[in-house]
N, C-alpha and C. Protein backbone atom coordinates (compact mmCIF):
# COMPACT_ATOMS: atom_id res chain seq x y z
N MET A 1 10.82 44.60 57.18
CA MET A 1 12.33 44.57 57.32
C MET A 1 12.91 45.85 57.24
N ASN A 2 13.77 46.29 58.27
CA ASN A 2 14.06 47.46 58.41
C ASN A 2 15.49 47.59 57.31
N LYS A 3 16.27 48.55 56.89
CA LYS A 3 17.03 48.46 56.08
C LYS A 3 18.49 47.82 56.88
N THR A 4 18.47 48.66 58.39
CA THR A 4 19.49 47.95 59.05
C THR A 4 19.76 46.20 59.49
N ALA A 5 17.88 45.84 59.59
CA ALA A 5 18.12 44.32 59.99
C ALA A 5 18.28 43.50 58.53
N ARG A 6 17.93 44.09 57.15
CA ARG A 6 18.38 43.35 55.85
C ARG A 6 19.78 43.12 55.47
N GLY A 7 20.47 44.52 56.18
CA GLY A 7 22.34 45.09 56.16
C GLY A 7 23.02 43.69 56.36
N LEU A 8 22.41 43.43 58.10
CA LEU A 8 22.97 42.62 58.82
C LEU A 8 22.15 41.17 58.78
N LEU A 9 21.26 40.98 57.78
CA LEU A 9 21.24 39.78 57.38
C LEU A 9 22.27 39.47 56.10
N VAL A 10 22.10 40.06 55.47
CA VAL A 10 22.81 39.82 54.56
C VAL A 10 24.76 39.66 55.10
N MET A 11 25.21 40.17 55.12
CA MET A 11 26.05 40.21 56.81
C MET A 11 26.09 38.96 57.16
N MET A 12 25.20 38.42 57.74
CA MET A 12 25.29 37.12 58.25
C MET A 12 25.62 35.95 57.13
N VAL A 13 24.91 36.25 56.32
CA VAL A 13 24.66 34.78 54.76
C VAL A 13 26.10 34.78 54.59
N ILE A 14 26.52 36.28 54.31
CA ILE A 14 27.82 36.22 53.52
C ILE A 14 28.85 35.51 54.49
N ALA A 15 29.19 35.77 55.94
CA ALA A 15 29.76 35.76 56.74
C ALA A 15 29.62 34.05 56.53
N VAL A 16 28.55 33.42 56.68
CA VAL A 16 28.30 31.90 56.81
C VAL A 16 28.85 31.45 55.43
N LEU A 17 28.32 31.87 54.31
CA LEU A 17 28.82 31.34 53.00
C LEU A 17 30.42 31.34 52.96
N ALA A 18 30.97 32.45 53.73
CA ALA A 18 32.62 32.29 53.28
C ALA A 18 32.90 31.43 54.55
N ALA A 19 32.69 31.17 55.66
CA ALA A 19 32.50 30.20 56.37
C ALA A 19 32.68 29.08 55.84
N ALA A 20 31.87 28.11 55.35
CA ALA A 20 31.58 27.47 54.85
C ALA A 20 32.44 26.74 53.73
N GLY A 21 32.50 27.76 52.48
CA GLY A 21 33.45 27.99 51.58
C GLY A 21 35.46 27.80 52.27
N TRP A 22 35.60 28.58 53.09
CA TRP A 22 36.79 28.22 54.09
C TRP A 22 37.22 26.90 54.18
N ILE A 23 36.20 26.31 55.18
CA ILE A 23 35.98 24.88 55.64
C ILE A 23 36.03 23.80 54.58
N ALA A 24 35.18 23.93 53.32
CA ALA A 24 35.46 23.11 52.32
C ALA A 24 36.85 23.36 51.51
N ALA A 25 37.00 24.32 51.70
CA ALA A 25 38.45 24.56 50.39
C ALA A 25 39.39 24.24 51.51
N GLY A 26 39.73 24.00 52.42
CA GLY A 26 40.82 23.52 53.29
C GLY A 26 41.46 22.59 53.17
N PRO A 27 40.87 21.10 53.19
CA PRO A 27 41.95 19.68 52.84
C PRO A 27 42.89 20.41 51.89
N TYR A 28 42.30 21.10 50.92
CA TYR A 28 42.59 21.00 49.05
C TYR A 28 43.82 21.87 49.60
N MET A 29 43.96 23.09 50.25
CA MET A 29 44.43 24.19 51.23
C MET A 29 45.56 23.54 51.75
N ALA A 30 45.20 22.22 52.66
CA ALA A 30 46.42 21.72 53.42
C ALA A 30 47.76 20.75 52.28
N ILE A 31 46.57 20.13 51.20
CA ILE A 31 46.77 19.21 50.32
C ILE A 31 48.22 19.56 49.83
N HIS A 32 48.03 21.40 49.12
CA HIS A 32 48.52 22.10 48.61
C HIS A 32 49.93 22.56 49.46
N GLY A 33 49.00 22.73 50.86
CA GLY A 33 50.42 23.05 50.94
C GLY A 33 51.33 22.11 51.76
N ILE A 34 51.26 21.04 51.91
CA ILE A 34 51.87 19.45 51.97
C ILE A 34 52.91 19.27 50.77
N ARG A 35 52.36 19.56 49.43
CA ARG A 35 52.86 19.16 47.92
C ARG A 35 54.42 20.50 48.01
N GLN A 36 53.20 21.50 48.15
CA GLN A 36 54.47 22.80 48.86
C GLN A 36 55.96 22.65 49.30
N ALA A 37 55.15 22.44 50.65
CA ALA A 37 56.18 21.81 51.54
C ALA A 37 57.17 20.69 51.26
N ILE A 38 56.81 19.89 50.34
CA ILE A 38 57.71 18.50 50.11
C ILE A 38 58.40 19.28 48.80
N GLU A 39 58.04 19.83 47.90
CA GLU A 39 58.83 20.47 46.88
C GLU A 39 60.17 21.40 47.37
N GLU A 40 59.75 22.33 48.45
CA GLU A 40 60.75 23.57 48.53
C GLU A 40 61.77 22.57 49.95
N LYS A 41 60.83 21.05 50.77
CA LYS A 41 62.14 20.71 51.36
C LYS A 41 62.35 21.77 52.31
N ASN A 42 60.86 21.92 53.16
CA ASN A 42 60.66 22.98 53.66
C ASN A 42 59.85 22.03 55.15
N ILE A 43 60.75 21.64 56.15
CA ILE A 43 59.80 20.75 57.19
C ILE A 43 59.21 21.84 58.13
N GLN A 44 59.57 23.08 58.42
CA GLN A 44 59.00 23.81 59.36
C GLN A 44 57.35 24.50 58.76
N GLN A 45 57.34 23.84 57.13
CA GLN A 45 56.01 24.88 56.79
C GLN A 45 55.57 23.23 56.13
N LEU A 46 55.75 22.69 56.29
CA LEU A 46 54.85 20.84 56.40
C LEU A 46 54.58 20.94 58.04
N GLU A 47 55.02 21.03 58.95
CA GLU A 47 54.16 21.39 60.09
C GLU A 47 53.14 21.99 60.18
N ARG A 48 53.08 22.75 59.91
CA ARG A 48 51.56 23.60 59.39
C ARG A 48 50.59 22.30 59.49
N HIS A 49 50.76 21.53 58.16
CA HIS A 49 50.27 20.98 57.81
C HIS A 49 50.03 19.20 58.58
N VAL A 50 50.62 18.75 58.96
CA VAL A 50 51.05 18.03 59.77
C VAL A 50 50.88 17.34 60.99
N ASP A 51 49.50 17.18 61.59
CA ASP A 51 49.14 17.00 63.27
C ASP A 51 50.40 15.87 64.23
N TYR A 52 52.14 16.23 63.81
CA TYR A 52 52.62 14.95 63.98
C TYR A 52 51.93 14.25 65.33
N PRO A 53 51.97 14.44 66.60
CA PRO A 53 51.37 13.84 67.83
C PRO A 53 50.14 12.77 67.25
N MET A 54 49.27 13.50 66.70
CA MET A 54 47.90 12.84 66.42
C MET A 54 48.32 11.57 64.91
N LEU A 55 49.46 12.07 64.16
CA LEU A 55 49.49 11.27 63.76
C LEU A 55 50.51 9.80 64.15
N ARG A 56 51.82 9.85 64.43
CA ARG A 56 52.15 9.25 65.40
C ARG A 56 51.89 8.50 66.08
N SER A 57 50.58 8.44 67.03
CA SER A 57 50.02 7.95 67.74
C SER A 57 48.97 6.84 66.56
N ASN A 58 48.03 7.03 65.65
CA ASN A 58 47.59 6.84 64.86
C ASN A 58 48.36 5.67 64.45
N VAL A 59 49.63 6.45 63.56
CA VAL A 59 50.33 5.00 63.13
C VAL A 59 50.83 4.12 64.23
N LYS A 60 51.06 4.24 64.97
CA LYS A 60 52.09 3.34 65.94
C LYS A 60 50.84 2.48 66.45
N ALA A 61 49.66 2.75 66.77
CA ALA A 61 48.32 1.57 66.96
C ALA A 61 48.24 0.68 65.83
N GLN A 62 48.23 1.09 64.41
CA GLN A 62 48.33 0.16 63.13
C GLN A 62 49.30 -1.12 63.63
N ILE A 63 50.39 -0.10 63.82
CA ILE A 63 51.59 -0.75 63.33
C ILE A 63 51.69 -2.10 64.64
N GLU A 64 51.89 -1.58 65.83
CA GLU A 64 51.44 -2.51 67.11
C GLU A 64 50.33 -3.39 66.34
N ASP A 65 49.22 -3.14 66.15
CA ASP A 65 47.66 -3.63 66.01
C ASP A 65 48.83 -5.19 64.61
N ARG A 66 49.65 -4.97 64.20
CA ARG A 66 49.50 -5.87 62.96
C ARG A 66 51.06 -6.40 63.63
N MET A 67 51.93 -6.13 64.44
CA MET A 67 52.93 -6.73 65.02
C MET A 67 52.70 -7.74 66.06
N ALA A 68 51.60 -7.38 67.02
CA ALA A 68 51.16 -8.46 67.59
C ALA A 68 50.46 -9.77 67.01
N ARG A 69 49.68 -9.50 65.46
CA ARG A 69 48.95 -10.39 65.31
C ARG A 69 49.85 -11.19 64.61
N GLU A 70 50.69 -10.86 64.13
CA GLU A 70 51.74 -11.77 63.33
C GLU A 70 52.43 -12.70 64.47
N ILE A 71 53.03 -11.45 65.56
CA ILE A 71 53.70 -12.12 66.55
C ILE A 71 52.67 -13.58 66.87
N GLY A 72 51.13 -13.45 66.95
CA GLY A 72 50.65 -14.15 67.79
C GLY A 72 50.50 -15.24 66.67
N ARG A 73 50.56 -15.14 65.77
CA ARG A 73 50.02 -16.16 64.72
C ARG A 73 51.31 -16.84 64.43
N ARG A 74 52.75 -16.43 64.73
CA ARG A 74 53.67 -17.65 64.67
C ARG A 74 54.17 -18.10 65.76
N LEU A 75 53.71 -17.86 66.80
CA LEU A 75 53.85 -18.06 68.30
C LEU A 75 52.58 -18.49 68.39
N GLY A 76 51.66 -18.38 68.26
CA GLY A 76 49.87 -19.12 69.38
C GLY A 76 49.69 -18.31 69.81
N ASP A 77 48.47 -17.40 69.89
CA ASP A 77 48.17 -16.93 70.30
C ASP A 77 47.54 -17.00 71.80
N GLN A 78 47.16 -18.53 71.97
CA GLN A 78 46.86 -19.13 73.76
C GLN A 78 48.29 -18.49 74.25
N ALA A 79 49.26 -18.93 74.03
CA ALA A 79 50.82 -19.64 74.56
C ALA A 79 51.50 -17.67 74.43
N VAL A 80 51.12 -17.00 73.76
CA VAL A 80 51.71 -15.79 73.74
C VAL A 80 51.05 -14.57 74.52
N GLY A 81 49.49 -15.01 74.72
CA GLY A 81 48.52 -13.60 75.48
C GLY A 81 49.32 -12.30 75.22
N GLY A 82 49.44 -11.36 76.27
CA GLY A 82 50.01 -10.13 76.30
C GLY A 82 51.53 -9.89 76.17
N MET A 83 52.42 -10.88 75.75
CA MET A 83 53.51 -10.67 75.55
C MET A 83 53.32 -10.04 74.15
N ALA A 84 52.93 -10.37 73.12
CA ALA A 84 53.20 -10.38 71.86
C ALA A 84 52.67 -8.02 71.75
N SER A 85 51.50 -8.79 72.64
CA SER A 85 51.63 -6.79 72.35
C SER A 85 52.43 -5.93 73.12
N GLY A 86 53.30 -6.48 74.08
CA GLY A 86 54.37 -6.17 74.59
C GLY A 86 55.26 -5.18 73.39
N VAL A 87 55.66 -6.60 72.73
CA VAL A 87 57.13 -6.73 72.11
C VAL A 87 56.84 -5.97 70.89
N ALA A 88 55.30 -5.75 70.49
CA ALA A 88 54.88 -5.10 69.47
C ALA A 88 55.24 -3.34 69.96
N GLY A 89 55.06 -3.23 71.42
CA GLY A 89 54.78 -1.89 71.75
C GLY A 89 55.83 -1.20 72.12
N MET A 90 56.93 -2.01 71.96
CA MET A 90 58.64 -1.70 71.65
C MET A 90 59.46 -0.89 71.13
N LEU A 91 59.30 -2.06 69.95
CA LEU A 91 59.22 -2.40 68.39
C LEU A 91 58.81 -1.64 67.76
N SER A 92 57.33 -1.12 68.33
CA SER A 92 57.02 0.07 67.10
C SER A 92 57.49 1.58 67.48
N ASP A 93 57.49 1.81 68.96
CA ASP A 93 57.83 2.68 69.72
C ASP A 93 58.92 3.96 68.41
N SER A 94 60.23 3.20 68.60
CA SER A 94 61.30 3.78 67.87
C SER A 94 61.00 3.35 66.58
N ALA A 95 60.39 2.55 65.58
CA ALA A 95 59.99 2.62 63.93
C ALA A 95 59.23 3.51 64.20
N VAL A 96 58.27 3.81 64.62
CA VAL A 96 56.92 5.47 64.51
C VAL A 96 57.44 6.40 64.92
N ASP A 97 58.01 6.90 65.61
CA ASP A 97 59.26 7.93 65.85
C ASP A 97 60.52 7.97 65.28
N ALA A 98 61.23 6.92 64.49
CA ALA A 98 61.39 7.67 63.47
C ALA A 98 61.44 7.64 62.61
N MET A 99 60.14 7.08 61.76
CA MET A 99 59.24 7.19 60.63
C MET A 99 58.61 8.44 60.73
N VAL A 100 57.76 8.66 61.88
CA VAL A 100 56.73 10.20 61.75
C VAL A 100 57.24 11.27 62.85
N SER A 101 58.11 11.89 61.93
CA SER A 101 58.46 13.17 62.61
C SER A 101 59.42 14.25 61.93
N PRO A 102 59.21 15.32 62.38
CA PRO A 102 59.49 16.09 60.99
C PRO A 102 60.47 15.78 60.29
N ALA A 103 61.94 15.61 61.42
CA ALA A 103 63.34 14.96 60.96
C ALA A 103 62.96 13.85 59.84
N GLY A 104 62.42 12.71 60.56
CA GLY A 104 62.09 11.01 59.69
C GLY A 104 61.09 11.82 58.12
N ILE A 105 60.35 12.65 58.13
CA ILE A 105 59.92 12.86 57.17
C ILE A 105 61.13 13.69 56.25
N ALA A 106 61.63 14.19 56.88
CA ALA A 106 63.33 14.88 55.92
C ALA A 106 64.05 13.90 55.11
N VAL A 107 64.16 13.41 55.69
CA VAL A 107 65.05 11.31 55.42
C VAL A 107 64.20 11.17 54.77
N LEU A 108 63.28 10.67 54.62
CA LEU A 108 62.56 10.12 53.63
C LEU A 108 62.05 10.77 52.27
N LEU A 109 62.38 12.48 52.36
CA LEU A 109 62.60 12.71 51.35
C LEU A 109 63.66 12.68 50.29
N GLN A 110 64.67 12.99 51.45
CA GLN A 110 65.97 12.93 50.57
C GLN A 110 66.32 11.03 50.46
N GLY A 111 65.76 10.46 51.19
CA GLY A 111 66.11 9.01 50.19
C GLY A 111 65.74 8.76 48.97
N HIS A 112 64.74 9.66 49.09
CA HIS A 112 63.11 9.03 47.33
C HIS A 112 63.89 9.98 47.01
N ALA A 113 65.11 11.68 46.97
CA ALA A 113 65.21 11.71 45.99
C ALA A 113 66.71 11.50 45.59
N LEU A 114 67.60 10.41 46.61
CA LEU A 114 68.63 9.76 45.85
C LEU A 114 67.72 8.69 45.11
N VAL A 115 67.01 7.64 45.73
CA VAL A 115 66.49 6.93 44.34
C VAL A 115 66.15 7.52 42.97
N GLN A 116 65.37 8.86 42.89
CA GLN A 116 65.18 9.13 41.77
C GLN A 116 66.45 9.46 41.09
N ARG A 117 67.06 10.09 41.67
CA ARG A 117 68.43 10.38 40.87
C ARG A 117 69.07 9.11 40.77
N ALA A 118 69.54 8.37 40.74
CA ALA A 118 70.01 6.73 40.91
C ALA A 118 69.30 6.42 40.14
N SER A 119 67.79 6.57 39.76
CA SER A 119 67.43 5.72 38.78
C SER A 119 66.57 6.88 36.98
N GLY A 120 67.95 7.86 37.50
CA GLY A 120 67.65 8.88 36.19
C GLY A 120 66.19 9.69 36.30
N ASN A 121 65.36 9.93 36.74
CA ASN A 121 63.73 10.38 37.10
C ASN A 121 64.16 11.90 37.64
N VAL A 122 64.90 12.64 36.48
CA VAL A 122 65.59 14.05 37.08
C VAL A 122 64.77 15.10 36.00
N ASP A 123 64.29 16.21 36.82
CA ASP A 123 64.01 17.69 35.62
C ASP A 123 65.80 17.89 35.34
N VAL A 124 65.41 18.38 33.88
CA VAL A 124 66.57 19.25 32.98
C VAL A 124 66.02 20.64 32.69
N GLU A 125 66.70 21.27 32.59
CA GLU A 125 66.86 22.48 32.20
C GLU A 125 67.37 23.16 31.39
N GLY A 126 67.71 23.07 30.26
CA GLY A 126 68.22 23.72 29.29
C GLY A 126 69.33 22.56 29.33
N GLY A 127 69.60 21.39 29.44
CA GLY A 127 70.02 20.37 29.29
C GLY A 127 71.28 19.89 30.43
N LEU A 128 70.58 21.12 31.24
CA LEU A 128 71.48 20.10 32.84
C LEU A 128 70.35 19.57 34.01
N THR A 129 70.75 19.06 34.33
CA THR A 129 70.05 17.98 35.96
C THR A 129 69.86 19.32 36.75
N ALA A 130 68.80 19.18 36.39
CA ALA A 130 68.23 20.32 37.64
C ALA A 130 68.20 19.49 39.55
N GLY A 131 68.19 18.55 39.60
CA GLY A 131 67.61 17.75 40.45
C GLY A 131 66.54 16.80 40.23
N PRO A 132 65.63 15.95 40.95
CA PRO A 132 65.01 15.05 41.49
C PRO A 132 63.99 15.65 41.41
N LYS A 133 62.55 15.76 40.89
CA LYS A 133 61.30 15.93 40.38
C LYS A 133 61.14 15.48 41.65
N PRO A 134 60.17 16.38 42.17
CA PRO A 134 59.86 16.75 43.68
C PRO A 134 58.68 15.64 43.31
N TYR A 135 59.00 14.89 44.91
CA TYR A 135 57.78 14.01 45.20
C TYR A 135 56.04 14.26 45.79
N ASP A 136 55.41 13.85 44.98
CA ASP A 136 54.10 13.95 45.17
C ASP A 136 53.26 12.72 45.76
N PRO A 137 53.45 12.39 47.46
CA PRO A 137 52.93 11.54 47.92
C PRO A 137 51.36 11.63 47.75
N LEU A 138 50.48 12.80 47.60
CA LEU A 138 49.12 12.69 46.90
C LEU A 138 48.90 13.17 45.42
N LYS A 139 49.39 12.62 44.45
CA LYS A 139 49.22 12.84 43.17
C LYS A 139 48.40 11.70 43.07
N ASP A 140 47.22 12.33 42.36
CA ASP A 140 46.27 11.90 42.26
C ASP A 140 45.37 10.96 42.90
N ALA A 141 44.74 11.76 44.07
CA ALA A 141 44.24 11.09 44.89
C ALA A 141 42.89 11.49 44.88
N GLN A 142 42.53 10.51 45.01
CA GLN A 142 41.04 10.46 45.42
C GLN A 142 40.08 10.80 46.28
N THR A 143 39.52 12.06 46.82
CA THR A 143 39.04 12.89 47.59
C THR A 143 37.71 13.25 47.82
N ARG A 144 37.43 12.70 49.12
CA ARG A 144 36.12 12.82 49.57
C ARG A 144 35.76 13.21 51.21
N PHE A 145 34.94 13.95 51.78
CA PHE A 145 34.60 14.57 53.08
C PHE A 145 34.00 13.54 53.60
N VAL A 146 34.07 12.89 54.64
CA VAL A 146 33.26 11.58 55.54
C VAL A 146 32.36 12.95 56.28
N SER A 147 32.68 13.66 56.94
CA SER A 147 31.78 14.50 57.91
C SER A 147 32.68 16.20 57.53
N PRO A 148 31.47 17.16 58.54
CA PRO A 148 32.31 18.48 58.39
C PRO A 148 33.87 18.53 58.67
N SER A 149 33.92 17.75 59.92
CA SER A 149 35.28 17.91 60.20
C SER A 149 36.80 16.97 59.98
N ARG A 150 36.64 15.64 58.51
CA ARG A 150 36.97 14.87 58.14
C ARG A 150 36.93 14.31 57.12
N PHE A 151 38.48 14.10 56.29
CA PHE A 151 38.61 14.24 54.85
C PHE A 151 39.73 13.12 54.20
N ILE A 152 39.48 12.98 53.30
CA ILE A 152 40.14 11.63 53.02
C ILE A 152 40.57 11.55 51.79
N ALA A 153 41.98 11.59 51.49
CA ALA A 153 42.58 11.87 50.18
C ALA A 153 43.58 9.86 49.73
N THR A 154 42.93 9.56 49.07
CA THR A 154 43.11 7.85 49.05
C THR A 154 44.00 7.69 47.85
N VAL A 155 44.82 7.33 47.48
CA VAL A 155 46.14 6.94 46.94
C VAL A 155 46.92 5.56 46.75
N LYS A 156 47.10 4.91 45.91
CA LYS A 156 47.55 3.55 45.27
C LYS A 156 49.01 3.69 46.06
N SER A 157 49.38 2.67 46.71
CA SER A 157 50.34 1.87 47.28
C SER A 157 51.80 1.75 46.17
N ALA A 158 52.50 1.08 45.66
CA ALA A 158 53.10 0.69 44.48
C ALA A 158 52.92 -0.45 44.03
N ASP A 159 52.15 -1.18 45.42
CA ASP A 159 51.87 -2.60 44.86
C ASP A 159 50.32 -2.18 44.55
N GLY A 160 49.80 -1.19 44.55
CA GLY A 160 48.71 -0.82 44.29
C GLY A 160 47.13 -0.77 45.23
N LYS A 161 47.61 -0.62 46.50
CA LYS A 161 46.52 -0.72 47.43
C LYS A 161 46.45 0.78 48.06
N PRO A 162 44.83 0.52 48.36
CA PRO A 162 45.25 1.97 48.85
C PRO A 162 45.18 2.74 50.28
N VAL A 163 45.79 3.55 50.37
CA VAL A 163 46.40 4.54 51.55
C VAL A 163 46.05 5.54 51.84
N ASP A 164 45.04 5.39 52.71
CA ASP A 164 44.01 7.10 53.00
C ASP A 164 45.02 7.48 54.11
N PHE A 165 44.95 8.86 53.44
CA PHE A 165 45.43 10.02 54.35
C PHE A 165 44.43 10.98 54.28
N VAL A 166 44.05 11.04 55.96
CA VAL A 166 43.01 11.14 56.90
C VAL A 166 43.60 12.96 57.48
N PHE A 167 42.76 13.69 56.88
CA PHE A 167 42.89 15.15 57.28
C PHE A 167 41.68 15.32 58.19
N GLU A 168 41.99 16.13 59.45
CA GLU A 168 40.92 16.81 60.10
C GLU A 168 41.19 17.57 60.71
N ARG A 169 39.65 18.59 60.91
CA ARG A 169 39.65 19.78 60.98
C ARG A 169 40.08 20.38 62.49
N GLN A 170 40.46 21.34 62.97
CA GLN A 170 41.06 21.86 64.05
C GLN A 170 40.68 23.49 63.80
N GLY A 171 39.44 24.11 64.64
CA GLY A 171 39.26 24.89 63.97
C GLY A 171 39.20 25.10 63.20
N LEU A 172 39.46 26.56 62.06
CA LEU A 172 39.38 26.19 60.54
C LEU A 172 40.42 26.10 59.69
N ARG A 173 41.23 25.51 60.82
CA ARG A 173 42.40 24.81 60.15
C ARG A 173 42.24 23.41 59.97
N TRP A 174 43.11 23.14 58.70
CA TRP A 174 43.11 21.39 58.32
C TRP A 174 44.35 20.53 58.62
N ARG A 175 44.40 19.58 59.23
CA ARG A 175 45.88 19.29 59.19
C ARG A 175 45.80 17.22 59.36
N LEU A 176 47.22 16.58 58.42
CA LEU A 176 46.85 15.46 58.26
C LEU A 176 47.29 14.85 59.98
N GLY A 177 46.01 13.87 60.23
CA GLY A 177 46.24 13.57 61.31
C GLY A 177 46.85 12.23 61.28
N ASN A 178 46.47 11.14 59.63
CA ASN A 178 46.69 9.67 60.28
C ASN A 178 46.87 9.47 58.79
N ILE A 179 47.19 8.64 58.80
CA ILE A 179 47.62 7.47 57.71
C ILE A 179 47.29 5.90 57.73
N VAL A 180 46.33 6.01 56.67
CA VAL A 180 45.70 4.32 57.25
C VAL A 180 46.27 3.39 56.19
N LEU A 181 47.58 2.58 56.59
CA LEU A 181 48.37 1.69 56.08
C LEU A 181 47.38 0.74 55.57
N PRO A 182 48.36 0.01 54.39
CA PRO A 182 47.55 -1.12 53.68
C PRO A 182 47.23 -1.88 54.82
N LYS A 183 46.26 -2.82 54.43
CA LYS A 183 45.94 -4.39 55.14
C LYS A 183 47.49 -4.52 55.21
N SER A 184 48.09 -5.22 54.35
CA SER A 184 49.75 -5.55 54.51
C SER A 184 50.52 -4.75 54.33
N ILE A 185 51.11 -4.83 55.37
CA ILE A 185 52.45 -3.70 54.60
C ILE A 185 53.99 -4.63 54.34
C-alpha cells in the first residue's frame, strides 16, 4: 500500500468515526438544546429541536385513540361504531394544535413559571428573587438508542408513570418527533 492510499484510508476512517460520533452525540445535543431553549424561553431555538408536524401527528393519534376508546367504553362499542372516532378526531384537533405548537409550548412554559412562582420555587440571587427555576422536562431522563435513527429519553410523570420523549434522526440532525404519553392520562 503506497503512502497516498494509506493517507486516504486514514482520512476515510477518521471521517467515518467523526460521523458516528456526531450521530451518537446528536440526541444528547438535542436534549441540551431543548433545555437551553426552555431556560431562555426561546421558542425559535426550540423549533430547531422539535419536529412540530410529526409531534402534532403522533400526539393527536394517541389522544384520538384514547378518546375513542373512552367514548366507546362509556356508550358501548357496538352502538357507537365510527362515531366515537369521529368525535374524538374533532375534539383532539383543537387540543393538540393548542398544545403542540411553539405558541402552545410558550404558554405551557409560562404557566409552569406561574405555578413555580406561586409555590415559592424560585432562584434567589443575593437575597433577591430572580424568577422561577427553569423547568427541565428531561431532567433525570433514562436514555437509550433504539436504532441508529431513533433515541428515547424516558422520564416519570407526576404520578410516576413513564413518558417517552422520542427523538428521530433526520440526516445528521436529531429532533423530538413524539411524546408517548402514559397509558392513562
